C-alpha atoms as a PDB file:
ATOM      1  CA  MET A   1      11.557  18.268  60.234  1.00  0.00           C
ATOM      2  CA  SER A   2      15.168  19.289  60.359  1.00  0.00           C
ATOM      3  CA  ASP A   3      18.476  19.580  63.159  1.00  0.00           C
ATOM      4  CA  LYS A   4      18.875  23.344  64.029  1.00  0.00           C
ATOM      5  CA  HIS A   5      21.190  25.484  62.730  1.00  0.00           C
ATOM      6  CA  LEU A   6      23.091  28.837  63.243  1.00  0.00           C
ATOM      7  CA  SER A   7      19.996  30.484  60.789  1.00  0.00           C
ATOM      8  CA  SER A   8      16.482  30.902  62.411  1.00  0.00           C
ATOM      9  CA  GLN A   9      15.264  32.622  59.211  1.00  0.00           C
ATOM     10  CA  PHE A  10      16.951  29.066  57.496  1.00  0.00           C
ATOM     11  CA  ASP A  11      15.075  26.721  59.668  1.00  0.00           C
ATOM     12  CA  ALA A  12      12.165  28.177  58.963  1.00  0.00           C
ATOM     13  CA  ASP A  13      12.588  28.593  55.101  1.00  0.00           C
ATOM     14  CA  LEU A  14      12.624  24.344  55.395  1.00  0.00           C
ATOM     15  CA  ASN A  15       9.776  24.321  58.074  1.00  0.00           C
ATOM     16  CA  LEU A  16       7.659  26.593  55.672  1.00  0.00           C
ATOM     17  CA  VAL A  17       8.718  24.251  52.109  1.00  0.00           C
ATOM     18  CA  SER A  18       7.913  21.336  54.432  1.00  0.00           C
ATOM     19  CA  SER A  19       4.313  22.402  55.531  1.00  0.00           C
ATOM     20  CA  LYS A  20       3.818  23.237  52.079  1.00  0.00           C
ATOM     21  CA  VAL A  21       4.289  20.275  51.174  1.00  0.00           C
ATOM     22  CA  LEU A  22       1.970  18.458  53.421  1.00  0.00           C
ATOM     23  CA  GLU A  23      -0.767  21.296  52.343  1.00  0.00           C
ATOM     24  CA  MET A  24      -0.042  19.982  48.602  1.00  0.00           C
ATOM     25  CA  GLY A  25       0.206  16.693  50.377  1.00  0.00           C
ATOM     26  CA  GLY A  26      -3.242  16.957  51.894  1.00  0.00           C
ATOM     27  CA  LEU A  27      -5.199  18.721  48.318  1.00  0.00           C
ATOM     28  CA  VAL A  28      -4.169  15.798  46.774  1.00  0.00           C
ATOM     29  CA  GLU A  29      -6.049  13.317  49.194  1.00  0.00           C
ATOM     30  CA  SER A  30      -9.336  15.382  49.482  1.00  0.00           C
ATOM     31  CA  GLN A  31      -8.860  14.759  45.638  1.00  0.00           C
ATOM     32  CA  ILE A  32      -8.312  11.281  45.765  1.00  0.00           C
ATOM     33  CA  VAL A  33     -11.300  10.794  49.007  1.00  0.00           C
ATOM     34  CA  ASN A  34     -13.594  12.743  46.638  1.00  0.00           C
ATOM     35  CA  ALA A  35     -12.391  10.893  42.875  1.00  0.00           C
ATOM     36  CA  MET A  36     -13.624   7.439  44.336  1.00  0.00           C
ATOM     37  CA  GLN A  37     -16.546   9.259  46.249  1.00  0.00           C
ATOM     38  CA  ALA A  38     -17.803  10.231  42.273  1.00  0.00           C
ATOM     39  CA  LEU A  39     -17.018   6.673  40.660  1.00  0.00           C
ATOM     40  CA  ASN A  40     -19.103   4.952  44.089  1.00  0.00           C
ATOM     41  CA  GLU A  41     -21.928   7.223  43.882  1.00  0.00           C
ATOM     42  CA  PHE A  42     -22.006   7.879  40.166  1.00  0.00           C
ATOM     43  CA  ASP A  43     -22.264  11.346  41.305  1.00  0.00           C
ATOM     44  CA  LEU A  44     -20.842  14.403  38.554  1.00  0.00           C
ATOM     45  CA  ASP A  45     -21.078  17.071  40.735  1.00  0.00           C
ATOM     46  CA  ILE A  46     -18.206  15.810  42.602  1.00  0.00           C
ATOM     47  CA  ALA A  47     -16.634  14.666  40.107  1.00  0.00           C
ATOM     48  CA  GLU A  48     -16.722  18.029  38.217  1.00  0.00           C
ATOM     49  CA  GLN A  49     -15.614  19.133  41.406  1.00  0.00           C
ATOM     50  CA  VAL A  50     -11.968  16.466  41.146  1.00  0.00           C
ATOM     51  CA  ILE A  51     -11.551  18.322  38.049  1.00  0.00           C
ATOM     52  CA  ALA A  52     -12.068  21.373  38.109  1.00  0.00           C
ATOM     53  CA  ALA A  53      -8.836  21.024  41.141  1.00  0.00           C
ATOM     54  CA  GLU A  54      -6.350  19.812  39.056  1.00  0.00           C
ATOM     55  CA  ASP A  55      -5.518  23.693  38.009  1.00  0.00           C
ATOM     56  CA  ARG A  56      -4.515  23.908  41.811  1.00  0.00           C
ATOM     57  CA  LEU A  57      -2.215  21.120  42.211  1.00  0.00           C
ATOM     58  CA  ASN A  58      -0.091  22.603  39.536  1.00  0.00           C
ATOM     59  CA  THR A  59       0.229  26.301  40.427  1.00  0.00           C
ATOM     60  CA  MET A  60       1.128  24.549  43.757  1.00  0.00           C
ATOM     61  CA  GLU A  61       4.163  22.332  42.980  1.00  0.00           C
ATOM     62  CA  VAL A  62       5.755  25.072  41.021  1.00  0.00           C
ATOM     63  CA  GLU A  63       5.071  27.521  43.928  1.00  0.00           C
ATOM     64  CA  ILE A  64       7.143  24.907  45.769  1.00  0.00           C
ATOM     65  CA  ASP A  65       9.824  24.038  43.738  1.00  0.00           C
ATOM     66  CA  GLU A  66      11.075  27.549  42.533  1.00  0.00           C
ATOM     67  CA  GLU A  67      11.192  28.651  46.643  1.00  0.00           C
ATOM     68  CA  CYS A  68      13.439  24.864  46.191  1.00  0.00           C
ATOM     69  CA  SER A  69      15.468  26.198  44.052  1.00  0.00           C
ATOM     70  CA  ASN A  70      15.596  29.464  45.666  1.00  0.00           C
ATOM     71  CA  ILE A  71      16.870  28.333  49.237  1.00  0.00           C
ATOM     72  CA  ILE A  72      19.422  26.636  47.479  1.00  0.00           C
ATOM     73  CA  ALA A  73      21.246  29.453  45.673  1.00  0.00           C
ATOM     74  CA  ARG A  74      20.302  31.334  48.815  1.00  0.00           C
ATOM     75  CA  ARG A  75      21.997  29.001  51.498  1.00  0.00           C
ATOM     76  CA  GLN A  76      24.013  26.456  49.501  1.00  0.00           C
ATOM     77  CA  PRO A  77      22.938  23.230  52.012  1.00  0.00           C
ATOM     78  CA  ALA A  78      24.837  20.450  52.204  1.00  0.00           C
ATOM     79  CA  ALA A  79      24.294  16.940  54.020  1.00  0.00           C
ATOM     80  CA  ARG A  80      20.861  16.121  55.360  1.00  0.00           C
ATOM     81  CA  ASP A  81      19.336  18.994  54.050  1.00  0.00           C
ATOM     82  CA  LEU A  82      20.382  19.502  50.100  1.00  0.00           C
ATOM     83  CA  ARG A  83      18.603  15.584  50.391  1.00  0.00           C
ATOM     84  CA  LEU A  84      15.524  17.211  52.151  1.00  0.00           C
ATOM     85  CA  LEU A  85      15.487  19.679  49.958  1.00  0.00           C
ATOM     86  CA  ILE A  86      16.084  17.286  46.397  1.00  0.00           C
ATOM     87  CA  ALA A  87      13.771  15.197  48.054  1.00  0.00           C
ATOM     88  CA  ILE A  88      10.819  18.150  48.209  1.00  0.00           C
ATOM     89  CA  SER A  89      11.090  18.851  44.818  1.00  0.00           C
ATOM     90  CA  LYS A  90      10.402  15.190  43.740  1.00  0.00           C
ATOM     91  CA  THR A  91       8.072  14.185  46.392  1.00  0.00           C
ATOM     92  CA  ILE A  92       5.559  17.550  45.368  1.00  0.00           C
ATOM     93  CA  THR A  93       6.199  16.010  41.040  1.00  0.00           C
ATOM     94  CA  ASN A  94       4.863  12.340  42.115  1.00  0.00           C
ATOM     95  CA  LEU A  95       2.112  14.162  44.594  1.00  0.00           C
ATOM     96  CA  GLU A  96       0.398  16.276  40.978  1.00  0.00           C
ATOM     97  CA  ARG A  97       0.832  13.057  40.008  1.00  0.00           C
ATOM     98  CA  ALA A  98      -1.017  11.038  42.001  1.00  0.00           C
ATOM     99  CA  GLY A  99      -3.326  14.374  41.773  1.00  0.00           C
ATOM    100  CA  ASP A 100      -2.922  13.470  37.713  1.00  0.00           C
ATOM    101  CA  GLU A 101      -4.505  10.601  38.490  1.00  0.00           C
ATOM    102  CA  ALA A 102      -7.412  11.053  40.646  1.00  0.00           C
ATOM    103  CA  GLU A 103      -8.306  13.367  37.906  1.00  0.00           C
ATOM    104  CA  LYS A 104      -8.661  11.283  35.650  1.00  0.00           C
ATOM    105  CA  ILE A 105     -10.520   8.247  38.245  1.00  0.00           C
ATOM    106  CA  ALA A 106     -12.933  11.700  37.684  1.00  0.00           C
ATOM    107  CA  LYS A 107     -12.653  12.004  34.316  1.00  0.00           C
ATOM    108  CA  ARG A 108     -13.874   8.313  33.376  1.00  0.00           C
ATOM    109  CA  THR A 109     -16.713   8.053  36.014  1.00  0.00           C
ATOM    110  CA  LYS A 110     -17.821  11.248  33.529  1.00  0.00           C
ATOM    111  CA  ARG A 111     -17.269   9.603  31.307  1.00  0.00           C
ATOM    112  CA  LEU A 112     -19.362   6.345  31.761  1.00  0.00           C
ATOM    113  CA  MET A 113     -21.685   8.152  33.372  1.00  0.00           C
ATOM    114  CA  GLU A 114     -22.400  10.281  30.382  1.00  0.00           C
ATOM    115  CA  ASP A 115     -22.454   7.045  27.928  1.00  0.00           C
ATOM    116  CA  GLY A 116     -25.545   5.582  30.343  1.00  0.00           C
ATOM    117  CA  ALA A 117     -23.224   2.719  32.008  1.00  0.00           C
ATOM    118  CA  SER A 118     -24.633   0.260  34.435  1.00  0.00           C
ATOM    119  CA  ARG A 119     -22.839  -1.162  37.233  1.00  0.00           C
ATOM    120  CA  THR A 120     -23.533  -4.261  35.442  1.00  0.00           C
ATOM    121  CA  ILE A 121     -19.409  -4.765  36.669  1.00  0.00           C
ATOM    122  CA  ASN A 122     -18.690  -5.613  40.419  1.00  0.00           C
ATOM    123  CA  ILE A 123     -16.100  -3.213  41.406  1.00  0.00           C
ATOM    124  CA  ALA A 124     -14.741  -4.737  44.457  1.00  0.00           C
ATOM    125  CA  GLU A 125     -11.534  -4.341  44.523  1.00  0.00           C
ATOM    126  CA  ILE A 126     -10.848  -0.597  43.053  1.00  0.00           C
ATOM    127  CA  LYS A 127     -13.401   0.704  45.765  1.00  0.00           C
ATOM    128  CA  LEU A 128     -10.616  -1.356  47.834  1.00  0.00           C
ATOM    129  CA  SER A 129      -7.836  -0.491  46.136  1.00  0.00           C
ATOM    130  CA  GLY A 130      -9.230   2.776  46.248  1.00  0.00           C
ATOM    131  CA  GLU A 131      -9.890   3.072  49.882  1.00  0.00           C
ATOM    132  CA  MET A 132      -5.794   1.456  50.422  1.00  0.00           C
ATOM    133  CA  ALA A 133      -4.633   3.953  48.162  1.00  0.00           C
ATOM    134  CA  VAL A 134      -5.728   7.187  50.631  1.00  0.00           C
ATOM    135  CA  SER A 135      -4.720   5.256  53.531  1.00  0.00           C
ATOM    136  CA  ILE A 136      -1.546   4.249  51.975  1.00  0.00           C
ATOM    137  CA  LEU A 137      -0.709   8.263  50.435  1.00  0.00           C
ATOM    138  CA  ARG A 138      -1.467   9.811  54.322  1.00  0.00           C
ATOM    139  CA  ARG A 139       1.002   7.391  55.815  1.00  0.00           C
ATOM    140  CA  ALA A 140       3.157   8.256  53.359  1.00  0.00           C
ATOM    141  CA  LEU A 141       2.656  11.559  54.177  1.00  0.00           C
ATOM    142  CA  ASP A 142       2.335  11.656  57.686  1.00  0.00           C
ATOM    143  CA  ALA A 143       6.200   9.757  57.430  1.00  0.00           C
ATOM    144  CA  PHE A 144       7.249  12.575  56.153  1.00  0.00           C
ATOM    145  CA  ALA A 145       6.542  14.661  58.230  1.00  0.00           C
ATOM    146  CA  ARG A 146       8.272  12.759  61.127  1.00  0.00           C
ATOM    147  CA  LEU A 147      11.403  11.688  59.184  1.00  0.00           C
ATOM    148  CA  ASP A 148      10.453   7.928  59.944  1.00  0.00           C
ATOM    149  CA  THR A 149      11.346   5.501  58.193  1.00  0.00           C
ATOM    150  CA  VAL A 150      10.132   2.179  60.096  1.00  0.00           C
ATOM    151  CA  ALA A 151       7.266   3.603  58.740  1.00  0.00           C
ATOM    152  CA  ALA A 152       8.070   4.570  55.361  1.00  0.00           C
ATOM    153  CA  ALA A 153       9.553   1.380  54.580  1.00  0.00           C
ATOM    154  CA  GLN A 154       6.175  -0.048  55.823  1.00  0.00           C
ATOM    155  CA  ILE A 155       4.951   1.819  53.014  1.00  0.00           C
ATOM    156  CA  VAL A 156       6.694  -0.009  50.250  1.00  0.00           C
ATOM    157  CA  ARG A 157       5.327  -3.237  51.136  1.00  0.00           C
ATOM    158  CA  ASP A 158       1.556  -2.409  51.777  1.00  0.00           C
ATOM    159  CA  ASP A 159       2.080  -1.243  48.609  1.00  0.00           C
ATOM    160  CA  LYS A 160       1.963  -4.716  47.192  1.00  0.00           C
ATOM    161  CA  ALA A 161      -0.916  -5.491  48.065  1.00  0.00           C
ATOM    162  CA  ILE A 162      -2.533  -2.613  45.616  1.00  0.00           C
ATOM    163  CA  ASP A 163      -1.159  -4.509  42.406  1.00  0.00           C
ATOM    164  CA  GLU A 164      -2.421  -7.096  43.589  1.00  0.00           C
ATOM    165  CA  GLU A 165      -5.817  -6.043  43.869  1.00  0.00           C
ATOM    166  CA  PHE A 166      -5.437  -4.320  40.498  1.00  0.00           C
ATOM    167  CA  ARG A 167      -3.851  -8.255  39.233  1.00  0.00           C
ATOM    168  CA  ALA A 168      -7.784  -9.346  40.499  1.00  0.00           C
ATOM    169  CA  PHE A 169      -9.637  -7.037  38.902  1.00  0.00           C
ATOM    170  CA  VAL A 170      -7.490  -7.503  35.437  1.00  0.00           C
ATOM    171  CA  ARG A 171      -8.724 -10.816  35.167  1.00  0.00           C
ATOM    172  CA  LYS A 172     -12.322 -10.324  36.677  1.00  0.00           C
ATOM    173  CA  LEU A 173     -12.588  -7.913  33.809  1.00  0.00           C
ATOM    174  CA  ILE A 174     -10.832 -10.241  31.504  1.00  0.00           C
ATOM    175  CA  SER A 175     -13.695 -13.328  32.351  1.00  0.00           C
ATOM    176  CA  TYR A 176     -16.329 -10.477  31.827  1.00  0.00           C
ATOM    177  CA  MET A 177     -15.820  -9.277  28.585  1.00  0.00           C
ATOM    178  CA  THR A 178     -15.110 -13.186  27.293  1.00  0.00           C
ATOM    179  CA  GLU A 179     -18.607 -13.361  28.294  1.00  0.00           C
ATOM    180  CA  ASP A 180     -20.151 -10.521  27.373  1.00  0.00           C
ATOM    181  CA  PRO A 181     -17.861  -8.830  24.241  1.00  0.00           C
ATOM    182  CA  ARG A 182     -20.887  -5.431  24.908  1.00  0.00           C
ATOM    183  CA  SER A 183     -18.967  -5.105  28.401  1.00  0.00           C
ATOM    184  CA  ILE A 184     -15.660  -4.409  26.410  1.00  0.00           C
ATOM    185  CA  SER A 185     -16.397  -0.456  26.111  1.00  0.00           C
ATOM    186  CA  VAL A 186     -17.320  -0.246  29.767  1.00  0.00           C
ATOM    187  CA  GLY A 187     -14.840  -2.186  31.169  1.00  0.00           C
ATOM    188  CA  LEU A 188     -12.387  -0.398  29.276  1.00  0.00           C
ATOM    189  CA  ASP A 189     -13.105   2.206  31.581  1.00  0.00           C
ATOM    190  CA  PHE A 190     -13.089   0.601  34.344  1.00  0.00           C
ATOM    191  CA  LEU A 191      -9.334  -0.980  33.343  1.00  0.00           C
ATOM    192  CA  PHE A 192      -8.063   2.988  33.396  1.00  0.00           C
ATOM    193  CA  ILE A 193      -9.820   3.382  36.824  1.00  0.00           C
ATOM    194  CA  ALA A 194      -7.657   1.014  38.168  1.00  0.00           C
ATOM    195  CA  LYS A 195      -4.571   1.826  36.792  1.00  0.00           C
ATOM    196  CA  ALA A 196      -4.907   5.083  38.349  1.00  0.00           C
ATOM    197  CA  ILE A 197      -5.493   3.964  41.896  1.00  0.00           C
ATOM    198  CA  GLU A 198      -2.199   1.328  41.097  1.00  0.00           C
ATOM    199  CA  ARG A 199       0.142   4.592  40.157  1.00  0.00           C
ATOM    200  CA  ILE A 200      -1.382   6.602  43.283  1.00  0.00           C
ATOM    201  CA  GLY A 201      -0.101   3.759  45.210  1.00  0.00           C
ATOM    202  CA  ASP A 202       3.020   3.617  43.314  1.00  0.00           C
ATOM    203  CA  HIS A 203       3.201   7.440  43.907  1.00  0.00           C
ATOM    204  CA  ALA A 204       2.564   6.771  47.968  1.00  0.00           C
ATOM    205  CA  LYS A 205       5.402   5.085  47.736  1.00  0.00           C
ATOM    206  CA  ASN A 206       8.062   6.760  45.333  1.00  0.00           C
ATOM    207  CA  ILE A 207       7.635   9.603  48.496  1.00  0.00           C
ATOM    208  CA  ALA A 208       8.217   6.972  51.247  1.00  0.00           C
ATOM    209  CA  GLU A 209      11.469   5.897  49.596  1.00  0.00           C
ATOM    210  CA  PHE A 210      12.576   9.680  49.231  1.00  0.00           C
ATOM    211  CA  ILE A 211      11.994   9.682  53.698  1.00  0.00           C
ATOM    212  CA  ILE A 212      14.639   7.033  52.889  1.00  0.00           C
ATOM    213  CA  TYR A 213      16.734   8.911  50.901  1.00  0.00           C
ATOM    214  CA  ILE A 214      16.756  12.410  53.559  1.00  0.00           C
ATOM    215  CA  VAL A 215      17.460  10.557  56.406  1.00  0.00           C
ATOM    216  CA  LYS A 216      19.573   7.720  55.658  1.00  0.00           C
ATOM    217  CA  GLY A 217      20.957   8.919  52.002  1.00  0.00           C
ATOM    218  CA  THR A 218      21.262   6.134  49.891  1.00  0.00           C
ATOM    219  CA  ASP A 219      19.308   5.942  47.004  1.00  0.00           C
ATOM    220  CA  VAL A 220      16.954   2.874  47.457  1.00  0.00           C
ATOM    221  CA  ARG A 221      15.009   3.405  44.060  1.00  0.00           C
ATOM    222  CA  HIS A 222      14.689   0.178  42.633  1.00  0.00           C
ATOM    223  CA  LYS A 223      16.031  -2.001  44.797  1.00  0.00           C
ATOM    224  CA  SER A 224      13.963  -5.039  46.304  1.00  0.00           C
ATOM    225  CA  ARG A 225      11.639  -4.082  49.141  1.00  0.00           C
ATOM    226  CA  ASP A 226      13.942  -6.497  52.123  1.00  0.00           C
ATOM    227  CA  ALA A 227      17.504  -4.632  50.592  1.00  0.00           C
ATOM    228  CA  LEU A 228      14.903  -0.788  51.185  1.00  0.00           C
ATOM    229  CA  GLU A 229      14.022  -2.650  54.382  1.00  0.00           C
ATOM    230  CA  ARG A 230      17.767  -3.241  55.255  1.00  0.00           C
ATOM    231  CA  GLU A 231      18.366   0.169  54.889  1.00  0.00           C
ATOM    232  CA  ALA A 232      15.705   1.771  56.525  1.00  0.00           C
ATOM    233  CA  LEU A 233      15.677  -0.053  59.525  1.00  0.00           C
ATOM    234  CA  SER A 234      20.296   0.462  60.275  1.00  0.00           C
END
C-alpha cells in the first residue's frame, strides 16, 4: 500500500497494520449483513450473535491503534506514510462505530421480536438501504486496499442514495403513525434502525475521504462533493 523503503521491516509493519484494518473491515461487513438478516427474518439467534461479536471489534480497534502509535514512535514516518497511519487510526474508529450501528440494528430487532411486533409497516426502504450500506462499505475497504481515489470519490457520491432512502422511509413512517397511533412504538424502533443504516453509509463515506487524504495529502472532509471529486481526480 505504500512506496518501498530502505527498511524492509518498515514495509512489513505498514503492510501488517493495513491487513489488520481490512480484517476488521471484513468483520464489520459480516456484522452488518447478519444484522440485516436478523431483521429481515426476525431471527433472534442471529441478532444475539451480532450483539455478542461487538466486543471483538472493540478489541481490534484498540490493538490496531496501539500498533499505529508504536510504528510512529519507532519509525518517525513523514509525508504519505504518516498520513497513512493517521488515516488508519481514523478508519478503524469509523469501522468500530459502523459495528456499533450493526449492534443497534440487532438490539432493536430483538426488541421488536420480544414485544411481539408484527410486520405492519412496509420496510422495503430499510432493506434496500441496508444492501446499499453493505455494498458501499465493501467498496470503501476495497478502495482502501488499493488506495483508489477514483473509487473513493464514487463512494462519496453514492452515499447520497442511502440518505435519500432514509428520508423516503421517514416520510412513510410519519404517514403510518399519523393514520394509526398504535404503530408509533414500532415505527420508532424501525426509525432507529433506518438511522443506524444511514450512519453506516456515513462511516463508509468517511473512509473514502481518508483515502483521498492519504494519496493527495488534502483533507477533504466537509468539502462539497464536486470539490472532493476534483481533488480525487486531479
